[in-house]
Amino acid sequence: MTGTLYLIPNTLGLSETSQDNPLAHIIPETVQRMSSQLQYFVAENAKTTRAYLKILNQFHPLAKPLQELHISELNVNTPNEALQTLIAPLLAGNDIGLISEAGVPAVADPGANLVRLAHQHNIKVSPLVGPSSLLLAIMGSGLNGQSFAFNGYLPTDSAARTKRIKELEDRSRKEKQTQLIIETPYRNTPMLEALAGTCHQQTLICVATDLSLPTESIQTKSAGDWKKQLQTKAAPDFHKKPTVFLFLA
């Protein structure tokens, strides 16, 4: 009998304020208990996963000491031929927890490749409840939550980025579809400047930063209003902070 591949949510970040359990308002208690009992993990980032498990251990003792747990990495640099090795414990009857660096795994995350392989081997896949920055951003934006598309990162070249924004805005207008993108946090201001300067002045743009954290900020304004604000050097407080950008023409 094969094991189960559990998709374990991570936090989107932790508050520095002291709490009895800093995970309590982010990760359901049942998910915390389930995660603590696993001995095998596949992680986007092993260091981040160890830090998460160290916190978890304070409130739900781990099945084994942290240094004895099996943590393998799966990230954008992992070759496809390595995936078969990663599911070997599942085929041997052991459960595995797939955990992202932040948020839920397999969404905007290389873990999807492992999930696909698990299905090919008829391995049970069990997604656990946790935070998704994309869904939280949609919920808080006021934009169309009935039809939306996540487009990942846009080109860093300014001309190519402008071209891509125009393509996505055309799609948004035709399909009444909200478009979601992300950016490397230190490039948040250039991204907002590109969106405000390229989109039609009535297109709505939402900037959702530090979701689920005490510093959370969600602001939706027209491209024209964002452009005026940026001209006064009044960018949102989002430098080097994880941010989701959404727009609806």
C-alpha atoms as a PDB file:
ATOM      1  CA  MET A   1       0.000   0.000   0.000  1.00  0.00           C
ATOM      2  CA  THR A   2       1.314   3.437  -0.907  1.00  0.00           C
ATOM      3  CA  GLY A   3       1.455   6.394   1.439  1.00  0.00           C
ATOM      4  CA  THR A   4      -0.452   9.666   1.170  1.00  0.00           C
ATOM      5  CA  LEU A   5       0.957  12.901  -0.219  1.00  0.00           C
ATOM      6  CA  TYR A   6      -0.220  15.655   2.133  1.00  0.00           C
ATOM      7  CA  LEU A   7      -0.082  19.214   0.783  1.00  0.00           C
ATOM      8  CA  ILE A   8       0.896  21.226   3.845  1.00  0.00           C
ATOM      9  CA  PRO A   9       0.285  24.984   4.002  1.00  0.00           C
ATOM     10  CA  ASN A  10       2.986  27.265   5.341  1.00  0.00           C
ATOM     11  CA  THR A  11       2.483  30.774   6.679  1.00  0.00           C
ATOM     12  CA  LEU A  12       2.807  33.855   4.478  1.00  0.00           C
ATOM     13  CA  GLY A  13       4.981  35.311   7.244  1.00  0.00           C
ATOM     14  CA  LEU A  14       4.802  35.558  11.012  1.00  0.00           C
ATOM     15  CA  SER A  15       4.042  38.471  13.301  1.00  0.00           C
ATOM     16  CA  GLU A  16       6.863  39.532  15.569  1.00  0.00           C
ATOM     17  CA  THR A  17       4.383  40.142  18.381  1.00  0.00           C
ATOM     18  CA  SER A  18       4.387  37.434  21.011  1.00  0.00           C
ATOM     19  CA  GLN A  19       1.530  34.954  20.952  1.00  0.00           C
ATOM     20  CA  ASP A  20       0.860  31.646  22.664  1.00  0.00           C
ATOM     21  CA  ASN A  21       0.928  30.023  19.232  1.00  0.00           C
ATOM     22  CA  PRO A  22       1.863  32.290  16.309  1.00  0.00           C
ATOM     23  CA  LEU A  23       0.356  29.751  13.889  1.00  0.00           C
ATOM     24  CA  ALA A  24      -3.041  29.728  15.577  1.00  0.00           C
ATOM     25  CA  HIS A  25      -4.830  32.296  13.398  1.00  0.00           C
ATOM     26  CA  ILE A  26      -3.212  31.086  10.150  1.00  0.00           C
ATOM     27  CA  ILE A  27      -2.979  27.275  10.196  1.00  0.00           C
ATOM     28  CA  PRO A  28      -5.928  25.189  11.498  1.00  0.00           C
ATOM     29  CA  GLU A  29      -5.229  23.130  14.602  1.00  0.00           C
ATOM     30  CA  THR A  30      -6.008  19.867  12.819  1.00  0.00           C
ATOM     31  CA  VAL A  31      -3.508  20.734  10.079  1.00  0.00           C
ATOM     32  CA  GLN A  32      -0.845  21.527  12.663  1.00  0.00           C
ATOM     33  CA  ARG A  33      -1.362  18.159  14.358  1.00  0.00           C
ATOM     34  CA  MET A  34      -1.299  16.264  11.067  1.00  0.00           C
ATOM     35  CA  SER A  35       1.880  18.019   9.945  1.00  0.00           C
ATOM     36  CA  SER A  36       3.659  17.256  13.207  1.00  0.00           C
ATOM     37  CA  GLN A  37       3.195  13.492  12.759  1.00  0.00           C
ATOM     38  CA  LEU A  38       4.953  13.221   9.404  1.00  0.00           C
ATOM     39  CA  GLN A  39       8.530  11.993   9.082  1.00  0.00           C
ATOM     40  CA  TYR A  40       9.106  12.714   5.384  1.00  0.00           C
ATOM     41  CA  PHE A  41       8.881  16.132   3.774  1.00  0.00           C
ATOM     42  CA  VAL A  42       9.492  17.541   0.305  1.00  0.00           C
ATOM     43  CA  ALA A  43      10.174  21.241   0.632  1.00  0.00           C
ATOM     44  CA  GLU A  44      10.682  24.169  -1.699  1.00  0.00           C
ATOM     45  CA  ASN A  45      13.271  25.406   0.809  1.00  0.00           C
ATOM     46  CA  ALA A  46      14.667  23.054   3.472  1.00  0.00           C
ATOM     47  CA  LYS A  47      15.847  25.885   5.745  1.00  0.00           C
ATOM     48  CA  THR A  48      12.431  27.575   5.733  1.00  0.00           C
ATOM     49  CA  THR A  49      10.739  24.239   6.392  1.00  0.00           C
ATOM     50  CA  ARG A  50      12.994  23.496   9.368  1.00  0.00           C
ATOM     51  CA  ALA A  51      12.168  26.925  10.820  1.00  0.00           C
ATOM     52  CA  TYR A  52       8.447  26.233  10.390  1.00  0.00           C
ATOM     53  CA  LEU A  53       8.704  22.766  11.954  1.00  0.00           C
ATOM     54  CA  LYS A  54      10.707  24.196  14.857  1.00  0.00           C
ATOM     55  CA  ILE A  55       7.811  26.535  15.670  1.00  0.00           C
ATOM     56  CA  LEU A  56       5.291  23.736  15.179  1.00  0.00           C
ATOM     57  CA  ASN A  57       7.222  21.499  17.568  1.00  0.00           C
ATOM     58  CA  GLN A  58       6.669  23.965  20.414  1.00  0.00           C
ATOM     59  CA  PHE A  59       2.938  23.281  20.361  1.00  0.00           C
ATOM     60  CA  HIS A  60       2.660  19.875  18.673  1.00  0.00           C
ATOM     61  CA  PRO A  61       5.662  17.617  19.335  1.00  0.00           C
ATOM     62  CA  LEU A  62       7.143  16.232  16.137  1.00  0.00           C
ATOM     63  CA  ALA A  63       7.134  12.493  15.416  1.00  0.00           C
ATOM     64  CA  LYS A  64      10.940  12.528  15.571  1.00  0.00           C
ATOM     65  CA  PRO A  65      13.583  15.073  16.567  1.00  0.00           C
ATOM     66  CA  LEU A  66      13.922  17.705  13.854  1.00  0.00           C
ATOM     67  CA  GLN A  67      17.386  16.549  12.829  1.00  0.00           C
ATOM     68  CA  GLU A  68      16.057  13.021  12.221  1.00  0.00           C
ATOM     69  CA  LEU A  69      13.259  14.036   9.843  1.00  0.00           C
ATOM     70  CA  HIS A  70      13.756  13.423   6.123  1.00  0.00           C
ATOM     71  CA  ILE A  71      13.558  16.727   4.222  1.00  0.00           C
ATOM     72  CA  SER A  72      14.203  16.714   0.462  1.00  0.00           C
ATOM     73  CA  GLU A  73      14.125  19.833  -1.697  1.00  0.00           C
ATOM     74  CA  LEU A  74      11.960  20.467  -4.755  1.00  0.00           C
ATOM     75  CA  ASN A  75      12.334  23.867  -6.376  1.00  0.00           C
ATOM     76  CA  VAL A  76      12.571  25.458  -9.819  1.00  0.00           C
ATOM     77  CA  ASN A  77      16.048  23.986 -10.264  1.00  0.00           C
ATOM     78  CA  THR A  78      15.005  20.380  -9.568  1.00  0.00           C
ATOM     79  CA  PRO A  79      15.255  18.261 -12.756  1.00  0.00           C
ATOM     80  CA  ASN A  80      12.182  16.192 -13.675  1.00  0.00           C
ATOM     81  CA  GLU A  81      14.169  12.973 -13.452  1.00  0.00           C
ATOM     82  CA  ALA A  82      14.675  13.630  -9.706  1.00  0.00           C
ATOM     83  CA  LEU A  83      10.932  13.524  -8.998  1.00  0.00           C
ATOM     84  CA  GLN A  84      10.835   9.731  -9.065  1.00  0.00           C
ATOM     85  CA  THR A  85      13.320   9.644  -6.198  1.00  0.00           C
ATOM     86  CA  LEU A  86      11.209  12.106  -4.224  1.00  0.00           C
ATOM     87  CA  ILE A  87       8.116   9.893  -4.339  1.00  0.00           C
ATOM     88  CA  ALA A  88      10.055   6.733  -3.415  1.00  0.00           C
ATOM     89  CA  PRO A  89       8.989   6.948   0.267  1.00  0.00           C
ATOM     90  CA  LEU A  90       5.339   7.141  -0.862  1.00  0.00           C
ATOM     91  CA  LEU A  91       5.725   4.017  -2.975  1.00  0.00           C
ATOM     92  CA  ALA A  92       7.274   2.318   0.060  1.00  0.00           C
ATOM     93  CA  GLY A  93       4.187   3.080   2.146  1.00  0.00           C
ATOM     94  CA  ASN A  94       5.293   6.253   3.946  1.00  0.00           C
ATOM     95  CA  ASP A  95       3.315   9.494   4.043  1.00  0.00           C
ATOM     96  CA  ILE A  96       5.012  12.651   2.750  1.00  0.00           C
ATOM     97  CA  GLY A  97       4.270  16.292   3.440  1.00  0.00           C
ATOM     98  CA  LEU A  98       4.805  18.665   0.500  1.00  0.00           C
ATOM     99  CA  ILE A  99       5.448  22.149   1.862  1.00  0.00           C
ATOM    100  CA  SER A 100       6.033  25.448   0.063  1.00  0.00           C
ATOM    101  CA  GLU A 101       8.272  28.284   1.173  1.00  0.00           C
ATOM    102  CA  ALA A 102       5.131  30.331   1.833  1.00  0.00           C
ATOM    103  CA  GLY A 103       1.407  29.718   1.496  1.00  0.00           C
ATOM    104  CA  VAL A 104      -0.137  26.616  -0.003  1.00  0.00           C
ATOM    105  CA  PRO A 105       1.974  24.220  -2.085  1.00  0.00           C
ATOM    106  CA  ALA A 106       1.448  23.480  -5.792  1.00  0.00           C
ATOM    107  CA  VAL A 107      -0.092  26.931  -6.467  1.00  0.00           C
ATOM    108  CA  ALA A 108       2.476  29.264  -8.052  1.00  0.00           C
ATOM    109  CA  ASP A 109       4.880  26.638  -6.781  1.00  0.00           C
ATOM    110  CA  PRO A 110       7.020  23.858  -8.346  1.00  0.00           C
ATOM    111  CA  GLY A 111       5.316  21.261  -6.122  1.00  0.00           C
ATOM    112  CA  ALA A 112       2.632  20.768  -8.762  1.00  0.00           C
ATOM    113  CA  ASN A 113       5.005  18.494 -10.686  1.00  0.00           C
ATOM    114  CA  LEU A 114       5.255  16.131  -7.723  1.00  0.00           C
ATOM    115  CA  VAL A 115       1.479  16.107  -7.283  1.00  0.00           C
ATOM    116  CA  ARG A 116       1.032  15.201 -10.955  1.00  0.00           C
ATOM    117  CA  LEU A 117       3.488  12.334 -10.614  1.00  0.00           C
ATOM    118  CA  ALA A 118       1.685  11.088  -7.511  1.00  0.00           C
ATOM    119  CA  HIS A 119      -1.567  10.901  -9.491  1.00  0.00           C
ATOM    120  CA  GLN A 120       0.205   8.958 -12.230  1.00  0.00           C
ATOM    121  CA  HIS A 121       1.160   6.369  -9.594  1.00  0.00           C
ATOM    122  CA  ASN A 122      -2.377   6.323  -8.103  1.00  0.00           C
ATOM    123  CA  ILE A 123      -1.056   7.786  -4.855  1.00  0.00           C
ATOM    124  CA  LYS A 124      -3.623   9.517  -2.670  1.00  0.00           C
ATOM    125  CA  VAL A 125      -3.208  13.303  -2.588  1.00  0.00           C
ATOM    126  CA  SER A 126      -4.661  15.207   0.371  1.00  0.00           C
ATOM    127  CA  PRO A 127      -4.597  19.054   0.234  1.00  0.00           C
ATOM    128  CA  LEU A 128      -4.780  20.672   3.673  1.00  0.00           C
ATOM    129  CA  VAL A 129      -6.391  24.027   4.454  1.00  0.00           C
ATOM    130  CA  GLY A 130      -4.148  27.086   4.721  1.00  0.00           C
ATOM    131  CA  PRO A 131      -3.437  30.595   3.419  1.00  0.00           C
ATOM    132  CA  SER A 132      -3.176  31.433  -0.279  1.00  0.00           C
ATOM    133  CA  SER A 133      -1.971  34.956  -1.031  1.00  0.00           C
ATOM    134  CA  LEU A 134      -3.689  34.835  -4.426  1.00  0.00           C
ATOM    135  CA  LEU A 135      -7.123  34.003  -3.043  1.00  0.00           C
ATOM    136  CA  LEU A 136      -6.769  36.429  -0.140  1.00  0.00           C
ATOM    137  CA  ALA A 137      -5.865  39.151  -2.641  1.00  0.00           C
ATOM    138  CA  ILE A 138      -8.897  38.351  -4.817  1.00  0.00           C
ATOM    139  CA  MET A 139     -11.156  38.382  -1.763  1.00  0.00           C
ATOM    140  CA  GLY A 140      -9.925  41.761  -0.587  1.00  0.00           C
ATOM    141  CA  SER A 141      -9.594  43.518  -3.939  1.00  0.00           C
ATOM    142  CA  GLY A 142     -13.223  44.130  -4.855  1.00  0.00           C
ATOM    143  CA  LEU A 143     -12.391  42.961  -8.388  1.00  0.00           C
ATOM    144  CA  ASN A 144     -14.065  40.105 -10.258  1.00  0.00           C
ATOM    145  CA  GLY A 145     -13.774  36.916  -8.212  1.00  0.00           C
ATOM    146  CA  GLN A 146     -15.928  34.927 -10.653  1.00  0.00           C
ATOM    147  CA  SER A 147     -13.276  34.965 -13.375  1.00  0.00           C
ATOM    148  CA  PHE A 148      -9.585  35.528 -12.745  1.00  0.00           C
ATOM    149  CA  ALA A 149      -6.187  34.376 -14.015  1.00  0.00           C
ATOM    150  CA  PHE A 150      -2.797  34.157 -12.336  1.00  0.00           C
ATOM    151  CA  ASN A 151       0.023  35.117 -14.706  1.00  0.00           C
ATOM    152  CA  GLY A 152       3.071  34.771 -12.474  1.00  0.00           C
ATOM    153  CA  TYR A 153       5.958  37.150 -13.175  1.00  0.00           C
ATOM    154  CA  LEU A 154       6.013  39.589 -16.076  1.00  0.00           C
ATOM    155  CA  PRO A 155       9.134  40.196 -18.217  1.00  0.00           C
ATOM    156  CA  THR A 156      11.782  42.374 -16.572  1.00  0.00           C
ATOM    157  CA  ASP A 157      12.568  44.125 -19.875  1.00  0.00           C
ATOM    158  CA  SER A 158      10.472  47.303 -19.856  1.00  0.00           C
ATOM    159  CA  ALA A 159       9.312  47.072 -23.489  1.00  0.00           C
ATOM    160  CA  ALA A 160       8.364  43.397 -23.165  1.00  0.00           C
ATOM    161  CA  ARG A 161       6.634  44.096 -19.855  1.00  0.00           C
ATOM    162  CA  THR A 162       4.583  46.931 -21.340  1.00  0.00           C
ATOM    163  CA  LYS A 163       3.560  44.705 -24.242  1.00  0.00           C
ATOM    164  CA  ARG A 164       2.489  41.944 -21.835  1.00  0.00           C
ATOM    165  CA  ILE A 165       0.486  44.345 -19.640  1.00  0.00           C
ATOM    166  CA  LYS A 166      -1.401  45.580 -22.701  1.00  0.00           C
ATOM    167  CA  GLU A 167      -2.155  41.988 -23.734  1.00  0.00           C
ATOM    168  CA  LEU A 168      -3.473  41.138 -20.282  1.00  0.00           C
ATOM    169  CA  GLU A 169      -5.519  44.325 -20.103  1.00  0.00           C
ATOM    170  CA  ASP A 170      -7.120  43.482 -23.467  1.00  0.00           C
ATOM    171  CA  ARG A 171      -7.982  40.014 -22.159  1.00  0.00           C
ATOM    172  CA  SER A 172      -9.353  41.513 -18.953  1.00  0.00           C
ATOM    173  CA  ARG A 173     -11.564  43.903 -20.914  1.00  0.00           C
ATOM    174  CA  LYS A 174     -12.878  41.266 -23.329  1.00  0.00           C
ATOM    175  CA  GLU A 175     -13.490  38.553 -20.726  1.00  0.00           C
ATOM    176  CA  LYS A 176     -14.216  40.769 -17.699  1.00  0.00           C
ATOM    177  CA  GLN A 177     -11.430  38.788 -16.041  1.00  0.00           C
ATOM    178  CA  THR A 178      -9.241  39.909 -13.145  1.00  0.00           C
ATOM    179  CA  GLN A 179      -5.527  39.496 -13.884  1.00  0.00           C
ATOM    180  CA  LEU A 180      -3.099  38.608 -11.068  1.00  0.00           C
ATOM    181  CA  ILE A 181       0.681  38.990 -11.189  1.00  0.00           C
ATOM    182  CA  ILE A 182       3.524  38.934  -8.686  1.00  0.00           C
ATOM    183  CA  GLU A 183       6.930  40.562  -8.626  1.00  0.00           C
ATOM    184  CA  THR A 184      10.224  40.243  -6.779  1.00  0.00           C
ATOM    185  CA  PRO A 185       9.531  42.435  -3.699  1.00  0.00           C
ATOM    186  CA  TYR A 186      12.360  44.905  -4.321  1.00  0.00           C
ATOM    187  CA  ARG A 187      10.850  45.667  -7.755  1.00  0.00           C
ATOM    188  CA  ASN A 188       7.346  46.451  -6.486  1.00  0.00           C
ATOM    189  CA  THR A 189       7.533  50.190  -7.224  1.00  0.00           C
ATOM    190  CA  PRO A 190       8.655  49.778 -10.872  1.00  0.00           C
ATOM    191  CA  MET A 191       5.858  47.228 -11.350  1.00  0.00           C
ATOM    192  CA  LEU A 192       3.181  49.584 -10.048  1.00  0.00           C
ATOM    193  CA  GLU A 193       4.624  52.414 -12.138  1.00  0.00           C
ATOM    194  CA  ALA A 194       4.464  50.180 -15.222  1.00  0.00           C
ATOM    195  CA  LEU A 195       0.854  49.160 -14.528  1.00  0.00           C
ATOM    196  CA  ALA A 196      -0.306  52.724 -13.798  1.00  0.00           C
ATOM    197  CA  GLY A 197       1.531  54.124 -16.807  1.00  0.00           C
ATOM    198  CA  THR A 198       0.427  51.448 -19.282  1.00  0.00           C
ATOM    199  CA  CYS A 199      -3.178  50.644 -18.365  1.00  0.00           C
ATOM    200  CA  HIS A 200      -6.179  52.753 -19.333  1.00  0.00           C
ATOM    201  CA  GLN A 201      -6.763  55.402 -16.666  1.00  0.00           C
ATOM    202  CA  GLN A 202     -10.071  53.765 -15.612  1.00  0.00           C
ATOM    203  CA  THR A 203      -8.607  50.258 -15.211  1.00  0.00           C
ATOM    204  CA  LEU A 204      -8.742  49.220 -11.557  1.00  0.00           C
ATOM    205  CA  ILE A 205      -5.472  48.166  -9.967  1.00  0.00           C
ATOM    206  CA  CYS A 206      -5.195  46.508  -6.564  1.00  0.00           C
ATOM    207  CA  VAL A 207      -1.987  46.291  -4.535  1.00  0.00           C
ATOM    208  CA  ALA A 208      -2.185  43.621  -1.810  1.00  0.00           C
ATOM    209  CA  THR A 209       0.819  43.506   0.542  1.00  0.00           C
ATOM    210  CA  ASP A 210       1.817  41.385   3.568  1.00  0.00           C
ATOM    211  CA  LEU A 211      -1.417  39.421   3.469  1.00  0.00           C
ATOM    212  CA  SER A 212      -2.410  37.788   6.786  1.00  0.00           C
ATOM    213  CA  LEU A 213       0.189  39.855   8.691  1.00  0.00           C
ATOM    214  CA  PRO A 214      -0.408  42.798  11.056  1.00  0.00           C
ATOM    215  CA  THR A 215       1.189  45.026   8.380  1.00  0.00           C
ATOM    216  CA  GLU A 216      -1.344  43.872   5.762  1.00  0.00           C
ATOM    217  CA  SER A 217      -2.407  46.498   3.233  1.00  0.00           C
ATOM    218  CA  ILE A 218      -4.934  46.152   0.383  1.00  0.00           C
ATOM    219  CA  GLN A 219      -5.610  49.185  -1.824  1.00  0.00           C
ATOM    220  CA  THR A 220      -7.690  49.311  -5.012  1.00  0.00           C
ATOM    221  CA  LYS A 221      -7.623  52.454  -7.166  1.00  0.00           C
ATOM    222  CA  SER A 222      -7.893  53.370 -10.820  1.00  0.00           C
ATOM    223  CA  ALA A 223      -4.717  53.452 -12.873  1.00  0.00           C
ATOM    224  CA  GLY A 224      -5.179  57.209 -13.204  1.00  0.00           C
ATOM    225  CA  ASP A 225      -5.342  57.675  -9.437  1.00  0.00           C
ATOM    226  CA  TRP A 226      -2.304  55.464  -8.890  1.00  0.00           C
ATOM    227  CA  LYS A 227      -0.385  57.469 -11.489  1.00  0.00           C
ATOM    228  CA  LYS A 228      -1.209  60.744  -9.725  1.00  0.00           C
ATOM    229  CA  GLN A 229      -0.171  59.284  -6.376  1.00  0.00           C
ATOM    230  CA  LEU A 230       3.129  57.987  -7.723  1.00  0.00           C
ATOM    231  CA  GLN A 231       3.897  61.366  -9.288  1.00  0.00           C
ATOM    232  CA  THR A 232       3.876  62.813  -5.761  1.00  0.00           C
ATOM    233  CA  LYS A 233       6.402  60.130  -4.707  1.00  0.00           C
ATOM    234  CA  ALA A 234       3.751  58.541  -2.497  1.00  0.00           C
ATOM    235  CA  ALA A 235       4.162  54.861  -3.324  1.00  0.00           C
ATOM    236  CA  PRO A 236       2.521  52.316  -1.000  1.00  0.00           C
ATOM    237  CA  ASP A 237       4.607  50.976   1.862  1.00  0.00           C
ATOM    238  CA  PHE A 238       5.523  47.790   0.008  1.00  0.00           C
ATOM    239  CA  HIS A 239       9.270  47.946  -0.633  1.00  0.00           C
ATOM    240  CA  LYS A 240      10.745  44.456  -0.191  1.00  0.00           C
ATOM    241  CA  LYS A 241       7.371  43.169   1.025  1.00  0.00           C
ATOM    242  CA  PRO A 242       5.539  40.250  -0.662  1.00  0.00           C
ATOM    243  CA  THR A 243       2.841  41.799  -2.865  1.00  0.00           C
ATOM    244  CA  VAL A 244       0.161  40.589  -5.267  1.00  0.00           C
ATOM    245  CA  PHE A 245      -0.899  42.949  -8.068  1.00  0.00           C
ATOM    246  CA  LEU A 246      -4.373  42.641  -9.584  1.00  0.00           C
ATOM    247  CA  PHE A 247      -6.109  44.619 -12.295  1.00  0.00           C
ATOM    248  CA  LEU A 248      -9.478  44.659 -14.029  1.00  0.00           C
ATOM    249  CA  ALA A 249     -10.226  46.686 -17.152  1.00  0.00           C
END
